[in-house]
Amino acid sequence: MERLKISKTRLRALIEEAIVDCYNEDEQEGGFLVMLEENMPTPFQALVVGEEVEVIGFDQGVEDRGIMAICKRQGKKHRASVTSLEWSGKPPKGAEWIAAYQAWVRGNW
């Protein structure tokens, strides 16, 4: 599995870009959703719990907070937390936005 190498300074800049003008966590999460949709062309390949999936889009979580990846596997659609996505090879274009979202969720930025 290839890890995305991104500096803490770059992560901080991405987070600040996503949450600019947001007043609360719900709005901040919405900011990340917009950035993912605008900067990560779908579909792309990813791993979820070790299984290969095709990510075909993103959506806001329903009851639980969080951004979901809409995944397709063996002809069926599934939803998985964006924070659970991993890469089996080279990370897809825009993957730094997922890294920024993960850092924001963990609060270590």
PDB file of N, CA and C in Angstrom:
ATOM      1  N   MET A   1       0.852  -1.180   0.000  1.00  0.00           N
ATOM      2  CA  MET A   1       0.000   0.000   0.000  1.00  0.00           C
ATOM      3  C   MET A   1       0.894   1.238   0.000  1.00  0.00           C
ATOM      4  N   GLU A   2       0.638   2.119  -0.917  1.00  0.00           N
ATOM      5  CA  GLU A   2       1.427   3.344  -1.032  1.00  0.00           C
ATOM      6  C   GLU A   2       0.815   4.438  -0.162  1.00  0.00           C
ATOM      7  N   ARG A   3       1.659   5.073   0.642  1.00  0.00           N
ATOM      8  CA  ARG A   3       1.199   6.150   1.527  1.00  0.00           C
ATOM      9  C   ARG A   3       1.376   7.488   0.821  1.00  0.00           C
ATOM     10  N   LEU A   4       0.439   8.359   1.063  1.00  0.00           N
ATOM     11  CA  LEU A   4       0.501   9.706   0.510  1.00  0.00           C
ATOM     12  C   LEU A   4       1.433  10.528   1.383  1.00  0.00           C
ATOM     13  N   LYS A   5       2.429  11.130   0.779  1.00  0.00           N
ATOM     14  CA  LYS A   5       3.367  11.967   1.527  1.00  0.00           C
ATOM     15  C   LYS A   5       2.939  13.420   1.375  1.00  0.00           C
ATOM     16  N   ILE A   6       2.592  14.028   2.506  1.00  0.00           N
ATOM     17  CA  ILE A   6       2.127  15.404   2.473  1.00  0.00           C
ATOM     18  C   ILE A   6       2.585  16.094   3.757  1.00  0.00           C
ATOM     19  N   SER A   7       3.107  17.280   3.615  1.00  0.00           N
ATOM     20  CA  SER A   7       3.635  17.990   4.783  1.00  0.00           C
ATOM     21  C   SER A   7       2.515  18.511   5.663  1.00  0.00           C
ATOM     22  N   LYS A   8       2.827  18.717   6.920  1.00  0.00           N
ATOM     23  CA  LYS A   8       1.854  19.272   7.865  1.00  0.00           C
ATOM     24  C   LYS A   8       1.443  20.685   7.436  1.00  0.00           C
ATOM     25  N   THR A   9       2.381  21.423   6.855  1.00  0.00           N
ATOM     26  CA  THR A   9       2.081  22.772   6.370  1.00  0.00           C
ATOM     27  C   THR A   9       1.049  22.712   5.242  1.00  0.00           C
ATOM     28  N   ARG A  10       1.227  21.766   4.312  1.00  0.00           N
ATOM     29  CA  ARG A  10       0.279  21.616   3.200  1.00  0.00           C
ATOM     30  C   ARG A  10      -1.085  21.163   3.721  1.00  0.00           C
ATOM     31  N   LEU A  11      -1.094  20.210   4.668  1.00  0.00           N
ATOM     32  CA  LEU A  11      -2.360  19.762   5.259  1.00  0.00           C
ATOM     33  C   LEU A  11      -3.109  20.940   5.874  1.00  0.00           C
ATOM     34  N   ARG A  12      -2.381  21.742   6.643  1.00  0.00           N
ATOM     35  CA  ARG A  12      -2.988  22.905   7.299  1.00  0.00           C
ATOM     36  C   ARG A  12      -3.580  23.865   6.263  1.00  0.00           C
ATOM     37  N   ALA A  13      -2.858  24.086   5.172  1.00  0.00           N
ATOM     38  CA  ALA A  13      -3.344  24.995   4.121  1.00  0.00           C
ATOM     39  C   ALA A  13      -4.620  24.447   3.479  1.00  0.00           C
ATOM     40  N   LEU A  14      -4.666  23.139   3.219  1.00  0.00           N
ATOM     41  CA  LEU A  14      -5.856  22.530   2.632  1.00  0.00           C
ATOM     42  C   LEU A  14      -7.045  22.629   3.586  1.00  0.00           C
ATOM     43  N   ILE A  15      -6.814  22.347   4.860  1.00  0.00           N
ATOM     44  CA  ILE A  15      -7.887  22.419   5.856  1.00  0.00           C
ATOM     45  C   ILE A  15      -8.428  23.839   5.933  1.00  0.00           C
ATOM     46  N   GLU A  16      -7.522  24.801   5.994  1.00  0.00           N
ATOM     47  CA  GLU A  16      -7.962  26.199   6.081  1.00  0.00           C
ATOM     48  C   GLU A  16      -8.751  26.608   4.843  1.00  0.00           C
ATOM     49  N   GLU A  17      -8.357  26.099   3.677  1.00  0.00           N
ATOM     50  CA  GLU A  17      -9.098  26.399   2.450  1.00  0.00           C
ATOM     51  C   GLU A  17     -10.509  25.802   2.501  1.00  0.00           C
ATOM     52  N   ALA A  18     -10.623  24.587   3.024  1.00  0.00           N
ATOM     53  CA  ALA A  18     -11.922  23.907   3.072  1.00  0.00           C
ATOM     54  C   ALA A  18     -12.883  24.555   4.062  1.00  0.00           C
ATOM     55  N   ILE A  19     -12.357  25.080   5.163  1.00  0.00           N
ATOM     56  CA  ILE A  19     -13.246  25.561   6.232  1.00  0.00           C
ATOM     57  C   ILE A  19     -13.366  27.082   6.300  1.00  0.00           C
ATOM     58  N   VAL A  20     -12.784  27.780   5.346  1.00  0.00           N
ATOM     59  CA  VAL A  20     -12.862  29.231   5.340  1.00  0.00           C
ATOM     60  C   VAL A  20     -14.334  29.664   5.332  1.00  0.00           C
ATOM     61  N   ASP A  21     -14.656  30.649   6.114  1.00  0.00           N
ATOM     62  CA  ASP A  21     -16.017  31.198   6.196  1.00  0.00           C
ATOM     63  C   ASP A  21     -17.052  30.229   6.763  1.00  0.00           C
ATOM     64  N   CYS A  22     -16.626  29.150   7.420  1.00  0.00           N
ATOM     65  CA  CYS A  22     -17.563  28.212   8.036  1.00  0.00           C
ATOM     66  C   CYS A  22     -17.719  28.563   9.508  1.00  0.00           C
ATOM     67  N   TYR A  23     -18.952  28.491   9.994  1.00  0.00           N
ATOM     68  CA  TYR A  23     -19.243  28.911  11.357  1.00  0.00           C
ATOM     69  C   TYR A  23     -19.301  27.765  12.361  1.00  0.00           C
ATOM     70  N   ASN A  24     -19.499  26.531  11.896  1.00  0.00           N
ATOM     71  CA  ASN A  24     -19.549  25.405  12.824  1.00  0.00           C
ATOM     72  C   ASN A  24     -19.034  24.142  12.129  1.00  0.00           C
ATOM     73  N   GLU A  25     -18.991  23.027  12.878  1.00  0.00           N
ATOM     74  CA  GLU A  25     -18.439  21.788  12.327  1.00  0.00           C
ATOM     75  C   GLU A  25     -19.254  21.250  11.155  1.00  0.00           C
ATOM     76  N   ASP A  26     -20.575  21.403  11.199  1.00  0.00           N
ATOM     77  CA  ASP A  26     -21.399  20.937  10.074  1.00  0.00           C
ATOM     78  C   ASP A  26     -21.026  21.661   8.781  1.00  0.00           C
ATOM     79  N   GLU A  27     -20.862  22.973   8.878  1.00  0.00           N
ATOM     80  CA  GLU A  27     -20.473  23.751   7.699  1.00  0.00           C
ATOM     81  C   GLU A  27     -19.061  23.380   7.253  1.00  0.00           C
ATOM     82  N   GLN A  28     -18.169  23.131   8.203  1.00  0.00           N
ATOM     83  CA  GLN A  28     -16.798  22.744   7.853  1.00  0.00           C
ATOM     84  C   GLN A  28     -16.792  21.419   7.112  1.00  0.00           C
ATOM     85  N   GLU A  29     -17.584  20.466   7.597  1.00  0.00           N
ATOM     86  CA  GLU A  29     -17.685  19.182   6.914  1.00  0.00           C
ATOM     87  C   GLU A  29     -18.232  19.374   5.497  1.00  0.00           C
ATOM     88  N   GLY A  30     -19.218  20.251   5.366  1.00  0.00           N
ATOM     89  CA  GLY A  30     -19.746  20.568   4.042  1.00  0.00           C
ATOM     90  C   GLY A  30     -18.683  21.166   3.138  1.00  0.00           C
ATOM     91  N   GLY A  31     -17.798  21.978   3.709  1.00  0.00           N
ATOM     92  CA  GLY A  31     -16.689  22.543   2.946  1.00  0.00           C
ATOM     93  C   GLY A  31     -15.765  21.462   2.408  1.00  0.00           C
ATOM     94  N   PHE A  32     -15.484  20.460   3.247  1.00  0.00           N
ATOM     95  CA  PHE A  32     -14.653  19.340   2.779  1.00  0.00           C
ATOM     96  C   PHE A  32     -15.354  18.543   1.695  1.00  0.00           C
ATOM     97  N   LEU A  33     -16.658  18.344   1.832  1.00  0.00           N
ATOM     98  CA  LEU A  33     -17.402  17.606   0.814  1.00  0.00           C
ATOM     99  C   LEU A  33     -17.289  18.314  -0.537  1.00  0.00           C
ATOM    100  N   VAL A  34     -17.435  19.621  -0.544  1.00  0.00           N
ATOM    101  CA  VAL A  34     -17.300  20.397  -1.785  1.00  0.00           C
ATOM    102  C   VAL A  34     -15.897  20.228  -2.366  1.00  0.00           C
ATOM    103  N   MET A  35     -14.871  20.315  -1.523  1.00  0.00           N
ATOM    104  CA  MET A  35     -13.494  20.176  -2.012  1.00  0.00           C
ATOM    105  C   MET A  35     -13.241  18.788  -2.595  1.00  0.00           C
ATOM    106  N   LEU A  36     -13.771  17.746  -1.951  1.00  0.00           N
ATOM    107  CA  LEU A  36     -13.611  16.389  -2.488  1.00  0.00           C
ATOM    108  C   LEU A  36     -14.293  16.267  -3.842  1.00  0.00           C
ATOM    109  N   GLU A  37     -15.519  16.772  -3.931  1.00  0.00           N
ATOM    110  CA  GLU A  37     -16.257  16.673  -5.189  1.00  0.00           C
ATOM    111  C   GLU A  37     -15.580  17.455  -6.310  1.00  0.00           C
ATOM    112  N   GLU A  38     -14.975  18.586  -5.979  1.00  0.00           N
ATOM    113  CA  GLU A  38     -14.335  19.422  -6.997  1.00  0.00           C
ATOM    114  C   GLU A  38     -12.927  18.982  -7.371  1.00  0.00           C
ATOM    115  N   ASN A  39     -12.239  18.280  -6.461  1.00  0.00           N
ATOM    116  CA  ASN A  39     -10.812  18.007  -6.667  1.00  0.00           C
ATOM    117  C   ASN A  39     -10.437  16.542  -6.809  1.00  0.00           C
ATOM    118  N   MET A  40     -11.401  15.633  -6.656  1.00  0.00           N
ATOM    119  CA  MET A  40     -11.113  14.199  -6.807  1.00  0.00           C
ATOM    120  C   MET A  40     -11.993  13.624  -7.910  1.00  0.00           C
ATOM    121  N   PRO A  41     -11.474  13.590  -9.121  1.00  0.00           N
ATOM    122  CA  PRO A  41     -12.267  13.030 -10.220  1.00  0.00           C
ATOM    123  C   PRO A  41     -12.634  11.569  -9.946  1.00  0.00           C
ATOM    124  N   THR A  42     -13.899  11.261 -10.109  1.00  0.00           N
ATOM    125  CA  THR A  42     -14.349   9.886  -9.940  1.00  0.00           C
ATOM    126  C   THR A  42     -14.708   9.329 -11.312  1.00  0.00           C
ATOM    127  N   PRO A  43     -14.624   8.027 -11.486  1.00  0.00           N
ATOM    128  CA  PRO A  43     -14.313   7.013 -10.489  1.00  0.00           C
ATOM    129  C   PRO A  43     -12.810   6.844 -10.298  1.00  0.00           C
ATOM    130  N   PHE A  44     -12.461   6.262  -9.140  1.00  0.00           N
ATOM    131  CA  PHE A  44     -11.084   5.860  -8.869  1.00  0.00           C
ATOM    132  C   PHE A  44     -11.110   4.618  -7.994  1.00  0.00           C
ATOM    133  N   GLN A  45      -9.990   3.903  -7.989  1.00  0.00           N
ATOM    134  CA  GLN A  45      -9.882   2.662  -7.231  1.00  0.00           C
ATOM    135  C   GLN A  45      -9.366   2.942  -5.821  1.00  0.00           C
ATOM    136  N   ALA A  46      -9.899   2.211  -4.856  1.00  0.00           N
ATOM    137  CA  ALA A  46      -9.457   2.326  -3.468  1.00  0.00           C
ATOM    138  C   ALA A  46      -9.677   0.991  -2.778  1.00  0.00           C
ATOM    139  N   LEU A  47      -9.178   0.901  -1.566  1.00  0.00           N
ATOM    140  CA  LEU A  47      -9.430  -0.260  -0.724  1.00  0.00           C
ATOM    141  C   LEU A  47     -10.284   0.170   0.454  1.00  0.00           C
ATOM    142  N   VAL A  48     -11.251  -0.653   0.798  1.00  0.00           N
ATOM    143  CA  VAL A  48     -12.047  -0.470   2.008  1.00  0.00           C
ATOM    144  C   VAL A  48     -11.994  -1.815   2.730  1.00  0.00           C
ATOM    145  N   VAL A  49     -11.504  -1.812   3.939  1.00  0.00           N
ATOM    146  CA  VAL A  49     -11.245  -3.027   4.735  1.00  0.00           C
ATOM    147  C   VAL A  49     -10.564  -4.109   3.894  1.00  0.00           C
ATOM    148  N   GLY A  50      -9.577  -3.683   3.118  1.00  0.00           N
ATOM    149  CA  GLY A  50      -8.773  -4.603   2.337  1.00  0.00           C
ATOM    150  C   GLY A  50      -9.389  -5.062   1.027  1.00  0.00           C
ATOM    151  N   GLU A  51     -10.603  -4.643   0.740  1.00  0.00           N
ATOM    152  CA  GLU A  51     -11.285  -5.046  -0.498  1.00  0.00           C
ATOM    153  C   GLU A  51     -11.251  -3.915  -1.510  1.00  0.00           C
ATOM    154  N   GLU A  52     -10.944  -4.256  -2.756  1.00  0.00           N
ATOM    155  CA  GLU A  52     -10.902  -3.255  -3.816  1.00  0.00           C
ATOM    156  C   GLU A  52     -12.306  -2.796  -4.182  1.00  0.00           C
ATOM    157  N   VAL A  53     -12.471  -1.481  -4.258  1.00  0.00           N
ATOM    158  CA  VAL A  53     -13.748  -0.878  -4.641  1.00  0.00           C
ATOM    159  C   VAL A  53     -13.475   0.213  -5.662  1.00  0.00           C
ATOM    160  N   GLU A  54     -14.518   0.616  -6.347  1.00  0.00           N
ATOM    161  CA  GLU A  54     -14.465   1.754  -7.245  1.00  0.00           C
ATOM    162  C   GLU A  54     -15.264   2.865  -6.571  1.00  0.00           C
ATOM    163  N   VAL A  55     -14.608   3.965  -6.259  1.00  0.00           N
ATOM    164  CA  VAL A  55     -15.300   5.098  -5.654  1.00  0.00           C
ATOM    165  C   VAL A  55     -15.916   5.904  -6.783  1.00  0.00           C
ATOM    166  N   ILE A  56     -17.255   6.053  -6.706  1.00  0.00           N
ATOM    167  CA  ILE A  56     -17.968   6.729  -7.793  1.00  0.00           C
ATOM    168  C   ILE A  56     -18.534   8.085  -7.375  1.00  0.00           C
ATOM    169  N   GLY A  57     -18.363   8.437  -6.105  1.00  0.00           N
ATOM    170  CA  GLY A  57     -18.841   9.737  -5.656  1.00  0.00           C
ATOM    171  C   GLY A  57     -18.707   9.900  -4.157  1.00  0.00           C
ATOM    172  N   PHE A  58     -19.188  11.028  -3.655  1.00  0.00           N
ATOM    173  CA  PHE A  58     -19.124  11.355  -2.232  1.00  0.00           C
ATOM    174  C   PHE A  58     -20.484  11.869  -1.785  1.00  0.00           C
ATOM    175  N   ASP A  59     -20.760  11.694  -0.490  1.00  0.00           N
ATOM    176  CA  ASP A  59     -22.039  12.142   0.044  1.00  0.00           C
ATOM    177  C   ASP A  59     -21.876  12.438   1.530  1.00  0.00           C
ATOM    178  N   GLN A  60     -22.772  13.251   2.042  1.00  0.00           N
ATOM    179  CA  GLN A  60     -22.798  13.557   3.469  1.00  0.00           C
ATOM    180  C   GLN A  60     -23.371  12.349   4.209  1.00  0.00           C
ATOM    181  N   GLY A  61     -22.808  12.032   5.376  1.00  0.00           N
ATOM    182  CA  GLY A  61     -23.364  10.971   6.196  1.00  0.00           C
ATOM    183  C   GLY A  61     -24.774  11.331   6.638  1.00  0.00           C
ATOM    184  N   VAL A  62     -25.614  10.347   6.893  1.00  0.00           N
ATOM    185  CA  VAL A  62     -27.006  10.613   7.236  1.00  0.00           C
ATOM    186  C   VAL A  62     -27.144  10.869   8.736  1.00  0.00           C
ATOM    187  N   GLU A  63     -27.160   9.834   9.551  1.00  0.00           N
ATOM    188  CA  GLU A  63     -27.325  10.030  10.990  1.00  0.00           C
ATOM    189  C   GLU A  63     -25.994  10.341  11.661  1.00  0.00           C
ATOM    190  N   ASP A  64     -25.006   9.590  11.322  1.00  0.00           N
ATOM    191  CA  ASP A  64     -23.675   9.846  11.870  1.00  0.00           C
ATOM    192  C   ASP A  64     -23.043  10.980  11.081  1.00  0.00           C
ATOM    193  N   ARG A  65     -22.242  11.742  11.750  1.00  0.00           N
ATOM    194  CA  ARG A  65     -21.503  12.778  11.050  1.00  0.00           C
ATOM    195  C   ARG A  65     -20.450  12.102  10.186  1.00  0.00           C
ATOM    196  N   GLY A  66     -20.051  12.774   9.176  1.00  0.00           N
ATOM    197  CA  GLY A  66     -18.977  12.233   8.364  1.00  0.00           C
ATOM    198  C   GLY A  66     -19.289  12.267   6.888  1.00  0.00           C
ATOM    199  N   ILE A  67     -18.238  12.274   6.112  1.00  0.00           N
ATOM    200  CA  ILE A  67     -18.374  12.230   4.660  1.00  0.00           C
ATOM    201  C   ILE A  67     -18.219  10.779   4.230  1.00  0.00           C
ATOM    202  N   MET A  68     -19.102  10.366   3.354  1.00  0.00           N
ATOM    203  CA  MET A  68     -19.108   8.986   2.886  1.00  0.00           C
ATOM    204  C   MET A  68     -18.612   8.920   1.442  1.00  0.00           C
ATOM    205  N   ALA A  69     -17.900   7.835   1.146  1.00  0.00           N
ATOM    206  CA  ALA A  69     -17.533   7.519  -0.234  1.00  0.00           C
ATOM    207  C   ALA A  69     -18.604   6.572  -0.759  1.00  0.00           C
ATOM    208  N   ILE A  70     -19.129   6.866  -1.918  1.00  0.00           N
ATOM    209  CA  ILE A  70     -20.084   5.960  -2.557  1.00  0.00           C
ATOM    210  C   ILE A  70     -19.249   5.015  -3.413  1.00  0.00           C
ATOM    211  N   CYS A  71     -19.272   3.750  -3.038  1.00  0.00           N
ATOM    212  CA  CYS A  71     -18.397   2.758  -3.653  1.00  0.00           C
ATOM    213  C   CYS A  71     -19.210   1.724  -4.414  1.00  0.00           C
ATOM    214  N   LYS A  72     -18.583   1.169  -5.426  1.00  0.00           N
ATOM    215  CA  LYS A  72     -19.202   0.121  -6.209  1.00  0.00           C
ATOM    216  C   LYS A  72     -18.280  -1.095  -6.161  1.00  0.00           C
ATOM    217  N   ARG A  73     -18.864  -2.253  -5.852  1.00  0.00           N
ATOM    218  CA  ARG A  73     -18.103  -3.498  -5.812  1.00  0.00           C
ATOM    219  C   ARG A  73     -19.017  -4.629  -6.233  1.00  0.00           C
ATOM    220  N   GLN A  74     -18.578  -5.390  -7.196  1.00  0.00           N
ATOM    221  CA  GLN A  74     -19.340  -6.521  -7.724  1.00  0.00           C
ATOM    222  C   GLN A  74     -20.765  -6.119  -8.089  1.00  0.00           C
ATOM    223  N   GLY A  75     -20.890  -4.958  -8.738  1.00  0.00           N
ATOM    224  CA  GLY A  75     -22.177  -4.491  -9.229  1.00  0.00           C
ATOM    225  C   GLY A  75     -23.101  -3.875  -8.192  1.00  0.00           C
ATOM    226  N   LYS A  76     -22.674  -3.824  -6.931  1.00  0.00           N
ATOM    227  CA  LYS A  76     -23.512  -3.257  -5.875  1.00  0.00           C
ATOM    228  C   LYS A  76     -22.880  -1.988  -5.328  1.00  0.00           C
ATOM    229  N   LYS A  77     -23.739  -1.040  -4.927  1.00  0.00           N
ATOM    230  CA  LYS A  77     -23.258   0.205  -4.329  1.00  0.00           C
ATOM    231  C   LYS A  77     -23.217   0.067  -2.818  1.00  0.00           C
ATOM    232  N   HIS A  78     -22.175   0.631  -2.236  1.00  0.00           N
ATOM    233  CA  HIS A  78     -21.978   0.631  -0.793  1.00  0.00           C
ATOM    234  C   HIS A  78     -21.525   2.021  -0.380  1.00  0.00           C
ATOM    235  N   ARG A  79     -21.711   2.343   0.887  1.00  0.00           N
ATOM    236  CA  ARG A  79     -21.211   3.600   1.435  1.00  0.00           C
ATOM    237  C   ARG A  79     -20.179   3.264   2.498  1.00  0.00           C
ATOM    238  N   ALA A  80     -19.069   3.972   2.455  1.00  0.00           N
ATOM    239  CA  ALA A  80     -18.006   3.770   3.437  1.00  0.00           C
ATOM    240  C   ALA A  80     -17.459   5.135   3.825  1.00  0.00           C
ATOM    241  N   SER A  81     -17.030   5.254   5.050  1.00  0.00           N
ATOM    242  CA  SER A  81     -16.448   6.516   5.499  1.00  0.00           C
ATOM    243  C   SER A  81     -15.222   6.851   4.652  1.00  0.00           C
ATOM    244  N   VAL A  82     -15.124   8.095   4.265  1.00  0.00           N
ATOM    245  CA  VAL A  82     -13.950   8.550   3.507  1.00  0.00           C
ATOM    246  C   VAL A  82     -12.663   8.286   4.300  1.00  0.00           C
ATOM    247  N   THR A  83     -12.759   8.332   5.617  1.00  0.00           N
ATOM    248  CA  THR A  83     -11.573   8.112   6.449  1.00  0.00           C
ATOM    249  C   THR A  83     -11.082   6.669   6.384  1.00  0.00           C
ATOM    250  N   SER A  84     -11.903   5.755   5.856  1.00  0.00           N
ATOM    251  CA  SER A  84     -11.482   4.349   5.780  1.00  0.00           C
ATOM    252  C   SER A  84     -10.842   3.994   4.439  1.00  0.00           C
ATOM    253  N   LEU A  85     -10.791   4.927   3.501  1.00  0.00           N
ATOM    254  CA  LEU A  85     -10.199   4.638   2.192  1.00  0.00           C
ATOM    255  C   LEU A  85      -8.684   4.498   2.292  1.00  0.00           C
ATOM    256  N   GLU A  86      -8.170   3.489   1.598  1.00  0.00           N
ATOM    257  CA  GLU A  86      -6.728   3.268   1.489  1.00  0.00           C
ATOM    258  C   GLU A  86      -6.404   3.054   0.017  1.00  0.00           C
ATOM    259  N   TRP A  87      -5.114   3.078  -0.295  1.00  0.00           N
ATOM    260  CA  TRP A  87      -4.681   2.944  -1.688  1.00  0.00           C
ATOM    261  C   TRP A  87      -3.866   1.671  -1.845  1.00  0.00           C
ATOM    262  N   SER A  88      -4.149   0.903  -2.896  1.00  0.00           N
ATOM    263  CA  SER A  88      -3.367  -0.304  -3.165  1.00  0.00           C
ATOM    264  C   SER A  88      -2.154   0.029  -4.024  1.00  0.00           C
ATOM    265  N   GLY A  89      -2.191   1.153  -4.665  1.00  0.00           N
ATOM    266  CA  GLY A  89      -1.090   1.608  -5.503  1.00  0.00           C
ATOM    267  C   GLY A  89      -0.931   3.101  -5.334  1.00  0.00           C
ATOM    268  N   LYS A  90      -0.641   3.768  -6.423  1.00  0.00           N
ATOM    269  CA  LYS A  90      -0.485   5.220  -6.384  1.00  0.00           C
ATOM    270  C   LYS A  90      -1.817   5.870  -5.998  1.00  0.00           C
ATOM    271  N   PRO A  91      -1.804   6.799  -5.023  1.00  0.00           N
ATOM    272  CA  PRO A  91      -3.042   7.489  -4.642  1.00  0.00           C
ATOM    273  C   PRO A  91      -3.626   8.251  -5.834  1.00  0.00           C
ATOM    274  N   PRO A  92      -4.949   8.331  -5.929  1.00  0.00           N
ATOM    275  CA  PRO A  92      -5.582   9.029  -7.047  1.00  0.00           C
ATOM    276  C   PRO A  92      -5.382  10.539  -6.957  1.00  0.00           C
ATOM    277  N   LYS A  93      -5.620  11.209  -8.072  1.00  0.00           N
ATOM    278  CA  LYS A  93      -5.541  12.665  -8.116  1.00  0.00           C
ATOM    279  C   LYS A  93      -6.474  13.251  -7.055  1.00  0.00           C
ATOM    280  N   GLY A  94      -5.973  14.200  -6.285  1.00  0.00           N
ATOM    281  CA  GLY A  94      -6.778  14.858  -5.265  1.00  0.00           C
ATOM    282  C   GLY A  94      -6.808  14.153  -3.928  1.00  0.00           C
ATOM    283  N   ALA A  95      -6.061  13.064  -3.780  1.00  0.00           N
ATOM    284  CA  ALA A  95      -6.076  12.289  -2.534  1.00  0.00           C
ATOM    285  C   ALA A  95      -5.619  13.117  -1.336  1.00  0.00           C
ATOM    286  N   GLU A  96      -4.907  14.197  -1.581  1.00  0.00           N
ATOM    287  CA  GLU A  96      -4.475  15.045  -0.471  1.00  0.00           C
ATOM    288  C   GLU A  96      -5.670  15.633   0.270  1.00  0.00           C
ATOM    289  N   TRP A  97      -6.824  15.766  -0.411  1.00  0.00           N
ATOM    290  CA  TRP A  97      -8.018  16.273   0.254  1.00  0.00           C
ATOM    291  C   TRP A  97      -8.563  15.277   1.264  1.00  0.00           C
ATOM    292  N   ILE A  98      -8.424  13.988   0.972  1.00  0.00           N
ATOM    293  CA  ILE A  98      -8.835  12.972   1.945  1.00  0.00           C
ATOM    294  C   ILE A  98      -7.891  13.008   3.132  1.00  0.00           C
ATOM    295  N   ALA A  99      -6.589  13.159   2.873  1.00  0.00           N
ATOM    296  CA  ALA A  99      -5.623  13.267   3.969  1.00  0.00           C
ATOM    297  C   ALA A  99      -5.930  14.482   4.842  1.00  0.00           C
ATOM    298  N   ALA A 100      -6.300  15.589   4.211  1.00  0.00           N
ATOM    299  CA  ALA A 100      -6.636  16.801   4.971  1.00  0.00           C
ATOM    300  C   ALA A 100      -7.894  16.577   5.803  1.00  0.00           C
ATOM    301  N   TYR A 101      -8.891  15.927   5.225  1.00  0.00           N
ATOM    302  CA  TYR A 101     -10.119  15.642   5.970  1.00  0.00           C
ATOM    303  C   TYR A 101      -9.821  14.721   7.158  1.00  0.00           C
ATOM    304  N   GLN A 102      -9.010  13.700   6.929  1.00  0.00           N
ATOM    305  CA  GLN A 102      -8.641  12.786   8.016  1.00  0.00           C
ATOM    306  C   GLN A 102      -7.932  13.537   9.139  1.00  0.00           C
ATOM    307  N   ALA A 103      -7.019  14.447   8.799  1.00  0.00           N
ATOM    308  CA  ALA A 103      -6.311  15.238   9.810  1.00  0.00           C
ATOM    309  C   ALA A 103      -7.294  16.137  10.569  1.00  0.00           C
ATOM    310  N   TRP A 104      -8.242  16.718   9.857  1.00  0.00           N
ATOM    311  CA  TRP A 104      -9.242  17.581  10.489  1.00  0.00           C
ATOM    312  C   TRP A 104     -10.105  16.781  11.464  1.00  0.00           C
ATOM    313  N   VAL A 105     -10.534  15.589  11.033  1.00  0.00           N
ATOM    314  CA  VAL A 105     -11.357  14.725  11.896  1.00  0.00           C
ATOM    315  C   VAL A 105     -10.585  14.360  13.160  1.00  0.00           C
ATOM    316  N   ARG A 106      -9.318  14.028  13.021  1.00  0.00           N
ATOM    317  CA  ARG A 106      -8.491  13.646  14.183  1.00  0.00           C
ATOM    318  C   ARG A 106      -8.141  14.863  15.047  1.00  0.00           C
ATOM    319  N   GLY A 107      -8.238  16.060  14.471  1.00  0.00           N
ATOM    320  CA  GLY A 107      -7.926  17.271  15.208  1.00  0.00           C
ATOM    321  C   GLY A 107      -6.434  17.524  15.379  1.00  0.00           C
ATOM    322  N   ASN A 108      -5.611  16.866  14.575  1.00  0.00           N
ATOM    323  CA  ASN A 108      -4.159  17.065  14.711  1.00  0.00           C
ATOM    324  C   ASN A 108      -3.581  17.842  13.531  1.00  0.00           C
ATOM    325  N   TRP A 109      -4.033  19.074  13.417  1.00  0.00           N
ATOM    326  CA  TRP A 109      -3.505  19.931  12.348  1.00  0.00           C
ATOM    327  C   TRP A 109      -3.144  21.258  12.929  1.00  0.00           C
TER     328      TRP A 109
END
